[in-house]
């Protein structure tokens, strides 16, 4: 029988997707990291323990102990860190919550799902492949699509936000942090009803 409750008392893993390094700070692909930093600032904690090729810490969210995990491999290798943390804490897939960007949504729009495909997101695709399924909740934050078809998608997601979009993204990241806690405390359906 598979028990999700571990001796280490971590009940959930929150995975914030992004790319490491100064070059990628505040880019569209790194909105997951923005949400992690908002949570860390609000709780006066640091996500700075390197483990499983990720920056980690644990904190209480929604009444449960949660591992906050920022993979430090590049986006398309995010699944390795998640898989190792899952194995260590004996956490099932449906207690992994992934926070990422989404180019198919308008800037700042939140979309919460219980499960589903990667939607073309390389970080989510790698988690699905490495962790054995897509049955995990995710919070997607819209970063908008390229304004012109000739703009390469890789260049777009690695570009920085305009000054007007920065404010929208900050507000959206605050909402995503609230949604994360709501999923843990009240369930994914509650968060979907409020934010979708």
N, C-alpha and C. Protein backbone atom coordinates (compact mmCIF):
# COMPACT_ATOMS: atom_id res chain seq x y z
N UNK A 1 0.84 -1.19 0.00
CA UNK A 1 0.00 0.00 0.00
C UNK A 1 0.88 1.25 0.00
N UNK A 2 0.45 2.30 -0.69
CA UNK A 2 1.24 3.53 -0.82
C UNK A 2 0.73 4.57 0.16
N UNK A 3 1.58 4.97 1.08
CA UNK A 3 1.19 5.98 2.07
C UNK A 3 1.78 7.32 1.67
N UNK A 4 0.93 8.36 1.62
CA UNK A 4 1.44 9.67 1.25
C UNK A 4 2.03 10.42 2.43
N UNK A 5 1.61 10.08 3.65
CA UNK A 5 2.11 10.81 4.82
C UNK A 5 3.49 10.27 5.18
N UNK A 6 4.48 11.14 5.19
CA UNK A 6 5.85 10.70 5.43
C UNK A 6 6.27 11.03 6.86
N UNK A 7 7.40 10.44 7.26
CA UNK A 7 7.97 10.73 8.57
C UNK A 7 8.44 12.18 8.65
N UNK A 8 8.70 12.79 7.51
CA UNK A 8 9.22 14.15 7.48
C UNK A 8 8.10 15.18 7.55
N UNK A 9 6.86 14.75 7.61
CA UNK A 9 5.67 15.58 7.83
C UNK A 9 5.37 16.58 6.72
N UNK A 10 6.00 16.43 5.57
CA UNK A 10 5.62 17.25 4.41
C UNK A 10 4.44 16.57 3.73
N UNK A 11 3.36 17.33 3.52
CA UNK A 11 2.14 16.77 2.95
C UNK A 11 1.93 17.12 1.49
N UNK A 12 2.57 18.20 1.03
CA UNK A 12 2.43 18.68 -0.34
C UNK A 12 3.78 19.16 -0.85
N UNK A 13 3.91 19.20 -2.18
CA UNK A 13 5.06 19.84 -2.81
C UNK A 13 4.52 20.88 -3.78
N UNK A 14 4.96 22.12 -3.61
CA UNK A 14 4.61 23.20 -4.54
C UNK A 14 5.83 23.45 -5.42
N UNK A 15 5.65 23.26 -6.72
CA UNK A 15 6.75 23.37 -7.68
C UNK A 15 6.58 24.66 -8.47
N UNK A 16 7.58 25.53 -8.41
CA UNK A 16 7.55 26.81 -9.10
C UNK A 16 8.53 26.74 -10.27
N UNK A 17 8.01 26.84 -11.49
CA UNK A 17 8.85 26.64 -12.66
C UNK A 17 9.48 27.94 -13.14
N UNK A 18 10.73 27.81 -13.57
CA UNK A 18 11.48 28.93 -14.10
C UNK A 18 12.86 28.45 -14.54
N UNK A 19 13.67 29.36 -14.99
CA UNK A 19 15.06 29.07 -15.36
C UNK A 19 15.98 29.78 -14.37
N UNK A 20 17.08 29.13 -13.98
CA UNK A 20 18.00 29.74 -13.02
C UNK A 20 18.88 30.80 -13.66
N UNK A 21 19.38 31.71 -12.83
CA UNK A 21 20.37 32.68 -13.30
C UNK A 21 19.80 34.07 -13.56
N UNK A 22 20.67 35.06 -13.44
CA UNK A 22 20.27 36.46 -13.61
C UNK A 22 19.70 36.74 -14.98
N UNK A 23 20.21 36.06 -15.98
CA UNK A 23 19.76 36.30 -17.36
C UNK A 23 18.24 36.10 -17.51
N UNK A 24 17.69 35.20 -16.72
CA UNK A 24 16.28 34.85 -16.88
C UNK A 24 15.36 35.50 -15.86
N UNK A 25 15.91 36.28 -14.94
CA UNK A 25 15.07 36.92 -13.93
C UNK A 25 14.01 37.80 -14.58
N UNK A 26 12.80 37.72 -14.05
CA UNK A 26 11.69 38.56 -14.50
C UNK A 26 11.33 38.39 -15.98
N UNK A 27 11.63 37.22 -16.52
CA UNK A 27 11.17 36.91 -17.88
C UNK A 27 9.83 36.19 -17.79
N UNK A 28 9.16 36.09 -18.93
CA UNK A 28 7.84 35.46 -18.96
C UNK A 28 7.88 34.02 -18.45
N UNK A 29 8.94 33.30 -18.80
CA UNK A 29 9.05 31.90 -18.41
C UNK A 29 9.26 31.73 -16.91
N UNK A 30 9.58 32.81 -16.20
CA UNK A 30 9.95 32.70 -14.79
C UNK A 30 8.87 33.17 -13.82
N UNK A 31 7.63 33.27 -14.28
CA UNK A 31 6.59 33.75 -13.35
C UNK A 31 6.37 32.78 -12.19
N UNK A 32 6.67 31.51 -12.38
CA UNK A 32 6.60 30.57 -11.27
C UNK A 32 7.53 30.98 -10.14
N UNK A 33 8.74 31.39 -10.48
CA UNK A 33 9.70 31.85 -9.47
C UNK A 33 9.19 33.12 -8.78
N UNK A 34 8.50 33.98 -9.53
CA UNK A 34 7.95 35.21 -8.94
C UNK A 34 6.96 34.86 -7.83
N UNK A 35 6.11 33.87 -8.08
CA UNK A 35 5.13 33.44 -7.07
C UNK A 35 5.86 32.89 -5.83
N UNK A 36 6.88 32.08 -6.05
CA UNK A 36 7.66 31.53 -4.94
C UNK A 36 8.25 32.65 -4.10
N UNK A 37 8.79 33.67 -4.75
CA UNK A 37 9.43 34.76 -4.02
C UNK A 37 8.41 35.58 -3.24
N UNK A 38 7.20 35.74 -3.78
CA UNK A 38 6.13 36.44 -3.06
C UNK A 38 5.77 35.69 -1.78
N UNK A 39 5.65 34.37 -1.88
CA UNK A 39 5.33 33.55 -0.70
C UNK A 39 6.46 33.66 0.33
N UNK A 40 7.70 33.57 -0.15
CA UNK A 40 8.85 33.66 0.76
C UNK A 40 8.90 35.01 1.46
N UNK A 41 8.67 36.09 0.72
CA UNK A 41 8.69 37.43 1.32
C UNK A 41 7.58 37.58 2.36
N UNK A 42 6.39 37.09 2.04
CA UNK A 42 5.25 37.22 2.96
C UNK A 42 5.49 36.48 4.26
N UNK A 43 6.21 35.36 4.18
CA UNK A 43 6.44 34.53 5.37
C UNK A 43 7.81 34.77 5.99
N UNK A 44 8.57 35.70 5.40
CA UNK A 44 9.91 36.03 5.89
C UNK A 44 10.79 34.77 5.99
N UNK A 45 10.74 33.99 4.92
CA UNK A 45 11.58 32.79 4.82
C UNK A 45 12.42 32.90 3.55
N UNK A 46 13.41 32.03 3.45
CA UNK A 46 14.25 32.00 2.26
C UNK A 46 14.16 30.62 1.62
N UNK A 47 13.99 30.60 0.31
CA UNK A 47 14.00 29.33 -0.43
C UNK A 47 15.43 29.17 -0.94
N UNK A 48 16.29 28.64 -0.08
CA UNK A 48 17.72 28.67 -0.42
C UNK A 48 18.48 27.39 -0.08
N UNK A 49 17.76 26.35 0.30
CA UNK A 49 18.45 25.08 0.58
C UNK A 49 18.55 24.29 -0.72
N UNK A 50 19.76 24.02 -1.18
CA UNK A 50 19.95 23.28 -2.44
C UNK A 50 19.82 21.79 -2.18
N UNK A 51 18.82 21.19 -2.83
CA UNK A 51 18.60 19.75 -2.72
C UNK A 51 17.90 19.30 -3.98
N UNK A 52 18.28 18.15 -4.51
CA UNK A 52 17.68 17.60 -5.73
C UNK A 52 17.78 18.58 -6.90
N UNK A 53 18.88 19.29 -7.01
CA UNK A 53 19.08 20.30 -8.07
C UNK A 53 17.96 21.34 -8.06
N UNK A 54 17.54 21.70 -6.85
CA UNK A 54 16.48 22.69 -6.68
C UNK A 54 16.75 23.49 -5.41
N UNK A 55 16.25 24.74 -5.40
CA UNK A 55 16.23 25.52 -4.16
C UNK A 55 14.95 25.16 -3.43
N UNK A 56 15.06 24.88 -2.14
CA UNK A 56 13.91 24.38 -1.38
C UNK A 56 13.82 25.02 0.00
N UNK A 57 12.65 24.93 0.56
CA UNK A 57 12.40 25.16 1.97
C UNK A 57 11.04 24.56 2.28
N UNK A 58 10.74 24.44 3.56
CA UNK A 58 9.40 23.99 3.94
C UNK A 58 8.72 25.11 4.73
N UNK A 59 7.41 25.18 4.59
CA UNK A 59 6.61 26.17 5.32
C UNK A 59 5.20 25.64 5.48
N UNK A 60 4.42 26.31 6.30
CA UNK A 60 3.01 25.96 6.46
C UNK A 60 2.17 26.77 5.48
N UNK A 61 1.33 26.09 4.72
CA UNK A 61 0.36 26.73 3.83
C UNK A 61 -0.96 26.00 3.99
N UNK A 62 -2.02 26.73 4.19
CA UNK A 62 -3.33 26.10 4.32
C UNK A 62 -3.39 25.08 5.44
N UNK A 63 -2.56 25.26 6.46
CA UNK A 63 -2.58 24.36 7.61
C UNK A 63 -1.72 23.12 7.47
N UNK A 64 -1.08 22.93 6.31
CA UNK A 64 -0.24 21.76 6.08
C UNK A 64 1.21 22.18 5.84
N UNK A 65 2.11 21.25 6.09
CA UNK A 65 3.52 21.49 5.80
C UNK A 65 3.77 21.23 4.32
N UNK A 66 4.37 22.22 3.66
CA UNK A 66 4.55 22.18 2.21
C UNK A 66 6.02 22.40 1.87
N UNK A 67 6.55 21.57 0.98
CA UNK A 67 7.88 21.80 0.42
C UNK A 67 7.74 22.77 -0.74
N UNK A 68 8.43 23.90 -0.67
CA UNK A 68 8.50 24.84 -1.79
C UNK A 68 9.74 24.49 -2.60
N UNK A 69 9.57 24.28 -3.89
CA UNK A 69 10.65 23.76 -4.72
C UNK A 69 10.81 24.58 -6.00
N UNK A 70 12.00 25.15 -6.19
CA UNK A 70 12.33 25.91 -7.41
C UNK A 70 13.44 25.16 -8.14
N UNK A 71 13.10 24.31 -9.12
CA UNK A 71 14.13 23.56 -9.83
C UNK A 71 15.18 24.50 -10.43
N UNK A 72 16.44 24.09 -10.31
CA UNK A 72 17.54 24.92 -10.82
C UNK A 72 18.19 24.33 -12.05
N UNK A 73 17.65 23.21 -12.55
CA UNK A 73 18.01 22.76 -13.89
C UNK A 73 17.19 23.63 -14.83
N UNK A 74 17.47 23.59 -16.11
CA UNK A 74 16.66 24.41 -17.01
C UNK A 74 15.27 23.81 -17.15
N UNK A 75 14.37 24.62 -17.67
CA UNK A 75 12.94 24.31 -17.68
C UNK A 75 12.63 22.88 -18.12
N UNK A 76 13.25 22.44 -19.22
CA UNK A 76 12.89 21.13 -19.77
C UNK A 76 13.48 19.97 -18.97
N UNK A 77 14.13 20.24 -17.84
CA UNK A 77 14.65 19.19 -16.97
C UNK A 77 14.04 19.27 -15.57
N UNK A 78 12.96 20.00 -15.43
CA UNK A 78 12.35 20.23 -14.12
C UNK A 78 11.87 18.95 -13.43
N UNK A 79 11.48 17.96 -14.21
CA UNK A 79 10.92 16.73 -13.65
C UNK A 79 11.85 15.96 -12.75
N UNK A 80 13.16 16.05 -12.99
CA UNK A 80 14.11 15.31 -12.16
C UNK A 80 14.03 15.73 -10.70
N UNK A 81 14.00 17.04 -10.46
CA UNK A 81 13.92 17.54 -9.09
C UNK A 81 12.61 17.11 -8.43
N UNK A 82 11.52 17.21 -9.17
CA UNK A 82 10.21 16.86 -8.62
C UNK A 82 10.17 15.38 -8.26
N UNK A 83 10.66 14.55 -9.15
CA UNK A 83 10.64 13.10 -8.92
C UNK A 83 11.43 12.73 -7.67
N UNK A 84 12.60 13.33 -7.50
CA UNK A 84 13.43 13.01 -6.33
C UNK A 84 12.77 13.47 -5.03
N UNK A 85 12.15 14.66 -5.05
CA UNK A 85 11.47 15.15 -3.85
C UNK A 85 10.26 14.28 -3.52
N UNK A 86 9.51 13.89 -4.54
CA UNK A 86 8.36 12.99 -4.33
C UNK A 86 8.79 11.69 -3.66
N UNK A 87 9.87 11.13 -4.17
CA UNK A 87 10.35 9.85 -3.64
C UNK A 87 10.82 10.01 -2.19
N UNK A 88 11.53 11.09 -1.92
CA UNK A 88 12.06 11.31 -0.57
C UNK A 88 10.95 11.48 0.45
N UNK A 89 9.94 12.28 0.10
CA UNK A 89 8.86 12.56 1.05
C UNK A 89 7.66 11.62 0.91
N UNK A 90 7.72 10.71 -0.07
CA UNK A 90 6.64 9.75 -0.30
C UNK A 90 5.31 10.48 -0.57
N UNK A 91 5.37 11.48 -1.43
CA UNK A 91 4.20 12.28 -1.78
C UNK A 91 3.62 11.78 -3.09
N UNK A 92 2.33 11.51 -3.16
CA UNK A 92 1.73 11.07 -4.42
C UNK A 92 1.58 12.23 -5.40
N UNK A 93 1.41 11.87 -6.65
CA UNK A 93 1.37 12.86 -7.73
C UNK A 93 0.27 13.89 -7.53
N UNK A 94 -0.87 13.49 -6.99
CA UNK A 94 -1.98 14.44 -6.86
C UNK A 94 -1.79 15.44 -5.72
N UNK A 95 -0.65 15.34 -5.03
CA UNK A 95 -0.30 16.33 -4.00
C UNK A 95 0.92 17.16 -4.43
N UNK A 96 1.17 17.16 -5.73
CA UNK A 96 2.16 18.05 -6.33
C UNK A 96 1.38 19.17 -7.01
N UNK A 97 1.69 20.42 -6.70
CA UNK A 97 1.03 21.56 -7.34
C UNK A 97 2.10 22.32 -8.12
N UNK A 98 1.87 22.49 -9.41
CA UNK A 98 2.86 23.13 -10.27
C UNK A 98 2.37 24.52 -10.68
N UNK A 99 3.24 25.52 -10.52
CA UNK A 99 2.91 26.90 -10.88
C UNK A 99 3.82 27.29 -12.04
N UNK A 100 3.21 27.70 -13.16
CA UNK A 100 3.99 27.98 -14.37
C UNK A 100 3.37 29.10 -15.19
N UNK A 101 4.11 29.53 -16.19
CA UNK A 101 3.62 30.49 -17.18
C UNK A 101 2.78 29.78 -18.23
N UNK A 102 1.98 30.56 -18.96
CA UNK A 102 1.18 30.01 -20.07
C UNK A 102 1.04 31.07 -21.15
N UNK A 103 1.59 30.78 -22.33
CA UNK A 103 1.54 31.75 -23.44
C UNK A 103 0.18 31.78 -24.12
N UNK A 104 -0.67 30.80 -23.84
CA UNK A 104 -1.99 30.78 -24.47
C UNK A 104 -3.02 31.61 -23.72
N UNK A 105 -2.64 32.15 -22.57
CA UNK A 105 -3.55 32.98 -21.77
C UNK A 105 -3.11 34.44 -21.83
N UNK A 106 -4.06 35.37 -21.79
CA UNK A 106 -3.70 36.79 -21.74
C UNK A 106 -2.86 37.10 -20.50
N UNK A 107 -2.08 38.14 -20.58
CA UNK A 107 -1.19 38.52 -19.47
C UNK A 107 -2.00 38.68 -18.18
N UNK A 108 -1.59 37.93 -17.15
CA UNK A 108 -2.21 38.02 -15.84
C UNK A 108 -3.38 37.10 -15.59
N UNK A 109 -3.92 36.47 -16.62
CA UNK A 109 -5.06 35.57 -16.44
C UNK A 109 -4.61 34.28 -15.76
N UNK A 110 -5.33 33.87 -14.71
CA UNK A 110 -5.03 32.60 -14.04
C UNK A 110 -5.91 31.50 -14.60
N UNK A 111 -5.36 30.31 -14.70
CA UNK A 111 -6.13 29.13 -15.07
C UNK A 111 -5.66 27.99 -14.19
N UNK A 112 -6.58 27.43 -13.42
CA UNK A 112 -6.27 26.34 -12.50
C UNK A 112 -6.93 25.07 -13.02
N UNK A 113 -6.18 23.98 -13.01
CA UNK A 113 -6.69 22.69 -13.48
C UNK A 113 -6.28 21.60 -12.50
N UNK A 114 -7.13 20.56 -12.40
CA UNK A 114 -6.82 19.41 -11.55
C UNK A 114 -5.77 18.50 -12.19
N UNK A 115 -5.75 18.45 -13.51
CA UNK A 115 -4.85 17.56 -14.24
C UNK A 115 -4.88 17.98 -15.71
N UNK A 116 -4.18 17.23 -16.55
CA UNK A 116 -4.25 17.52 -17.98
C UNK A 116 -2.91 17.45 -18.66
N UNK A 117 -2.92 17.75 -19.95
CA UNK A 117 -1.70 17.67 -20.75
C UNK A 117 -0.76 18.83 -20.42
N UNK A 118 0.39 18.80 -21.04
CA UNK A 118 1.39 19.85 -20.80
C UNK A 118 1.00 21.17 -21.44
N UNK A 119 0.10 21.14 -22.43
CA UNK A 119 -0.25 22.35 -23.15
C UNK A 119 0.93 22.96 -23.88
N UNK A 120 1.92 22.12 -24.21
CA UNK A 120 3.10 22.60 -24.91
C UNK A 120 4.17 23.19 -24.01
N UNK A 121 3.96 23.15 -22.69
CA UNK A 121 4.94 23.71 -21.76
C UNK A 121 6.00 22.65 -21.44
N UNK A 122 7.26 22.95 -21.75
CA UNK A 122 8.33 21.95 -21.61
C UNK A 122 8.56 21.52 -20.16
N UNK A 123 8.41 22.43 -19.21
CA UNK A 123 8.60 22.07 -17.81
C UNK A 123 7.53 21.10 -17.34
N UNK A 124 6.29 21.39 -17.67
CA UNK A 124 5.20 20.50 -17.28
C UNK A 124 5.31 19.16 -18.01
N UNK A 125 5.69 19.22 -19.28
CA UNK A 125 5.87 17.97 -20.03
C UNK A 125 6.90 17.07 -19.35
N UNK A 126 8.01 17.66 -18.90
CA UNK A 126 9.06 16.87 -18.26
C UNK A 126 8.58 16.29 -16.94
N UNK A 127 7.80 17.03 -16.18
CA UNK A 127 7.25 16.51 -14.93
C UNK A 127 6.31 15.34 -15.21
N UNK A 128 5.46 15.48 -16.22
CA UNK A 128 4.55 14.38 -16.59
C UNK A 128 5.35 13.13 -16.96
N UNK A 129 6.39 13.30 -17.77
CA UNK A 129 7.19 12.16 -18.22
C UNK A 129 7.98 11.52 -17.09
N UNK A 130 8.60 12.34 -16.24
CA UNK A 130 9.49 11.79 -15.20
C UNK A 130 8.71 11.27 -13.99
N UNK A 131 7.55 11.84 -13.73
CA UNK A 131 6.81 11.50 -12.50
C UNK A 131 5.66 10.53 -12.74
N UNK A 132 5.44 10.15 -13.98
CA UNK A 132 4.52 9.05 -14.26
C UNK A 132 3.06 9.40 -14.45
N UNK A 133 2.77 10.62 -14.86
CA UNK A 133 1.37 10.94 -15.15
C UNK A 133 1.10 12.43 -15.08
N UNK A 134 -0.15 12.78 -15.45
CA UNK A 134 -0.52 14.19 -15.48
C UNK A 134 -1.56 14.53 -14.42
N UNK A 135 -1.73 13.63 -13.44
CA UNK A 135 -2.77 13.81 -12.43
C UNK A 135 -2.27 14.67 -11.26
N UNK A 136 -1.90 15.92 -11.59
CA UNK A 136 -1.49 16.85 -10.54
C UNK A 136 -2.09 18.22 -10.84
N UNK A 137 -2.50 18.96 -9.79
CA UNK A 137 -3.05 20.29 -10.02
C UNK A 137 -1.98 21.25 -10.50
N UNK A 138 -2.40 22.21 -11.30
CA UNK A 138 -1.47 23.23 -11.74
C UNK A 138 -2.14 24.59 -11.80
N UNK A 139 -1.35 25.60 -11.52
CA UNK A 139 -1.79 26.99 -11.60
C UNK A 139 -0.98 27.63 -12.73
N UNK A 140 -1.68 28.02 -13.78
CA UNK A 140 -1.01 28.62 -14.93
C UNK A 140 -1.28 30.12 -14.94
N UNK A 141 -0.25 30.89 -15.17
CA UNK A 141 -0.35 32.35 -15.20
C UNK A 141 -0.09 32.82 -16.62
N UNK A 142 -1.07 33.52 -17.18
CA UNK A 142 -0.94 34.00 -18.55
C UNK A 142 0.18 35.02 -18.71
N UNK A 143 0.98 34.82 -19.73
CA UNK A 143 2.06 35.77 -20.05
C UNK A 143 1.87 36.35 -21.45
N UNK A 144 0.74 36.00 -22.08
CA UNK A 144 0.46 36.52 -23.41
C UNK A 144 1.22 35.78 -24.50
N UNK A 145 0.74 35.94 -25.73
CA UNK A 145 1.41 35.32 -26.87
C UNK A 145 2.14 36.39 -27.67
N UNK A 146 3.09 35.99 -28.51
CA UNK A 146 3.84 36.98 -29.30
C UNK A 146 2.89 37.84 -30.13
N UNK A 147 3.15 39.15 -30.20
CA UNK A 147 2.26 40.04 -30.95
C UNK A 147 2.35 39.84 -32.46
N UNK A 148 3.44 39.23 -32.93
CA UNK A 148 3.63 38.99 -34.36
C UNK A 148 4.07 37.55 -34.58
N UNK A 149 3.60 36.94 -35.64
CA UNK A 149 3.89 35.53 -35.90
C UNK A 149 5.37 35.28 -36.17
N UNK A 150 6.10 36.32 -36.60
CA UNK A 150 7.52 36.11 -36.90
C UNK A 150 8.41 36.09 -35.64
N UNK A 151 7.82 36.41 -34.47
CA UNK A 151 8.59 36.35 -33.23
C UNK A 151 8.70 34.89 -32.78
N UNK A 152 9.92 34.44 -32.57
CA UNK A 152 10.16 33.07 -32.14
C UNK A 152 9.63 32.86 -30.72
N UNK A 153 8.93 31.74 -30.50
CA UNK A 153 8.31 31.49 -29.20
C UNK A 153 9.35 31.41 -28.08
N UNK A 154 10.51 30.80 -28.36
CA UNK A 154 11.56 30.71 -27.34
C UNK A 154 12.05 32.11 -26.96
N UNK A 155 12.21 32.97 -27.95
CA UNK A 155 12.61 34.35 -27.65
C UNK A 155 11.54 35.07 -26.84
N UNK A 156 10.28 34.79 -27.16
CA UNK A 156 9.18 35.46 -26.48
C UNK A 156 9.14 35.10 -24.99
N UNK A 157 9.19 33.79 -24.67
CA UNK A 157 9.06 33.39 -23.27
C UNK A 157 10.28 33.81 -22.45
N UNK A 158 11.41 34.06 -23.13
CA UNK A 158 12.60 34.50 -22.41
C UNK A 158 12.76 36.02 -22.42
N UNK A 159 11.72 36.71 -22.90
CA UNK A 159 11.75 38.18 -22.91
C UNK A 159 11.15 38.71 -21.61
N UNK A 160 11.48 39.95 -21.30
CA UNK A 160 10.99 40.59 -20.07
C UNK A 160 9.66 41.28 -20.33
N UNK A 161 8.91 41.50 -19.26
CA UNK A 161 7.61 42.16 -19.37
C UNK A 161 7.78 43.66 -19.58
N UNK A 162 6.81 44.24 -20.25
CA UNK A 162 6.76 45.70 -20.34
C UNK A 162 6.44 46.25 -18.96
N UNK A 163 6.68 47.54 -18.76
CA UNK A 163 6.41 48.14 -17.45
C UNK A 163 4.93 48.04 -17.08
N UNK A 164 4.05 48.16 -18.06
CA UNK A 164 2.61 48.06 -17.76
C UNK A 164 2.22 46.63 -17.40
N UNK A 165 2.84 45.65 -18.05
CA UNK A 165 2.53 44.25 -17.75
C UNK A 165 3.10 43.80 -16.40
N UNK A 166 4.19 44.43 -15.95
CA UNK A 166 4.81 44.04 -14.68
C UNK A 166 3.82 44.14 -13.52
N UNK A 167 3.05 45.22 -13.50
CA UNK A 167 2.06 45.42 -12.43
C UNK A 167 0.97 44.34 -12.49
N UNK A 168 0.52 44.03 -13.71
CA UNK A 168 -0.50 42.99 -13.89
C UNK A 168 0.03 41.65 -13.39
N UNK A 169 1.27 41.33 -13.75
CA UNK A 169 1.87 40.06 -13.36
C UNK A 169 2.06 39.98 -11.85
N UNK A 170 2.45 41.08 -11.23
CA UNK A 170 2.62 41.07 -9.77
C UNK A 170 1.29 40.76 -9.08
N UNK A 171 0.21 41.40 -9.54
CA UNK A 171 -1.11 41.14 -8.96
C UNK A 171 -1.54 39.70 -9.20
N UNK A 172 -1.25 39.20 -10.40
CA UNK A 172 -1.60 37.83 -10.74
C UNK A 172 -0.81 36.83 -9.90
N UNK A 173 0.46 37.13 -9.67
CA UNK A 173 1.30 36.25 -8.85
C UNK A 173 0.79 36.22 -7.40
N UNK A 174 0.32 37.34 -6.90
CA UNK A 174 -0.28 37.37 -5.57
C UNK A 174 -1.53 36.48 -5.52
N UNK A 175 -2.34 36.56 -6.57
CA UNK A 175 -3.52 35.71 -6.64
C UNK A 175 -3.14 34.24 -6.74
N UNK A 176 -2.08 33.94 -7.49
CA UNK A 176 -1.62 32.56 -7.63
C UNK A 176 -1.16 32.01 -6.28
N UNK A 177 -0.50 32.85 -5.48
CA UNK A 177 -0.07 32.42 -4.14
C UNK A 177 -1.29 32.12 -3.27
N UNK A 178 -2.32 32.95 -3.38
CA UNK A 178 -3.57 32.70 -2.64
C UNK A 178 -4.23 31.42 -3.13
N UNK A 179 -4.24 31.21 -4.46
CA UNK A 179 -4.84 30.00 -5.04
C UNK A 179 -4.12 28.74 -4.57
N UNK A 180 -2.80 28.82 -4.48
CA UNK A 180 -2.01 27.67 -4.01
C UNK A 180 -2.45 27.28 -2.60
N UNK A 181 -2.56 28.26 -1.73
CA UNK A 181 -2.98 27.96 -0.36
C UNK A 181 -4.41 27.44 -0.32
N UNK A 182 -5.27 27.95 -1.20
CA UNK A 182 -6.66 27.51 -1.24
C UNK A 182 -6.75 26.05 -1.70
N UNK A 183 -5.94 25.66 -2.68
CA UNK A 183 -5.93 24.27 -3.14
C UNK A 183 -5.59 23.35 -1.98
N UNK A 184 -4.58 23.72 -1.20
CA UNK A 184 -4.15 22.89 -0.08
C UNK A 184 -5.21 22.83 1.01
N UNK A 185 -5.83 23.97 1.29
CA UNK A 185 -6.77 24.04 2.41
C UNK A 185 -8.17 23.56 2.04
N UNK A 186 -8.64 23.91 0.84
CA UNK A 186 -10.05 23.67 0.50
C UNK A 186 -10.26 22.79 -0.72
N UNK A 187 -9.20 22.51 -1.47
CA UNK A 187 -9.32 21.68 -2.66
C UNK A 187 -9.23 22.49 -3.94
N UNK A 188 -8.88 21.80 -5.01
CA UNK A 188 -8.69 22.44 -6.31
C UNK A 188 -9.98 23.07 -6.83
N UNK A 189 -11.10 22.41 -6.61
CA UNK A 189 -12.37 22.94 -7.11
C UNK A 189 -12.68 24.34 -6.54
N UNK A 190 -12.38 24.52 -5.26
CA UNK A 190 -12.61 25.82 -4.63
C UNK A 190 -11.76 26.91 -5.30
N UNK A 191 -10.50 26.58 -5.54
CA UNK A 191 -9.61 27.55 -6.19
C UNK A 191 -10.05 27.83 -7.61
N UNK A 192 -10.50 26.78 -8.32
CA UNK A 192 -10.97 26.96 -9.69
C UNK A 192 -12.20 27.87 -9.72
N UNK A 193 -13.12 27.67 -8.76
CA UNK A 193 -14.34 28.47 -8.72
C UNK A 193 -14.03 29.96 -8.47
N UNK A 194 -13.01 30.22 -7.68
CA UNK A 194 -12.68 31.60 -7.35
C UNK A 194 -11.86 32.29 -8.43
N UNK A 195 -10.90 31.58 -9.04
CA UNK A 195 -9.91 32.25 -9.88
C UNK A 195 -10.06 31.99 -11.39
N UNK A 196 -10.74 30.92 -11.80
CA UNK A 196 -10.84 30.64 -13.24
C UNK A 196 -11.84 31.57 -13.91
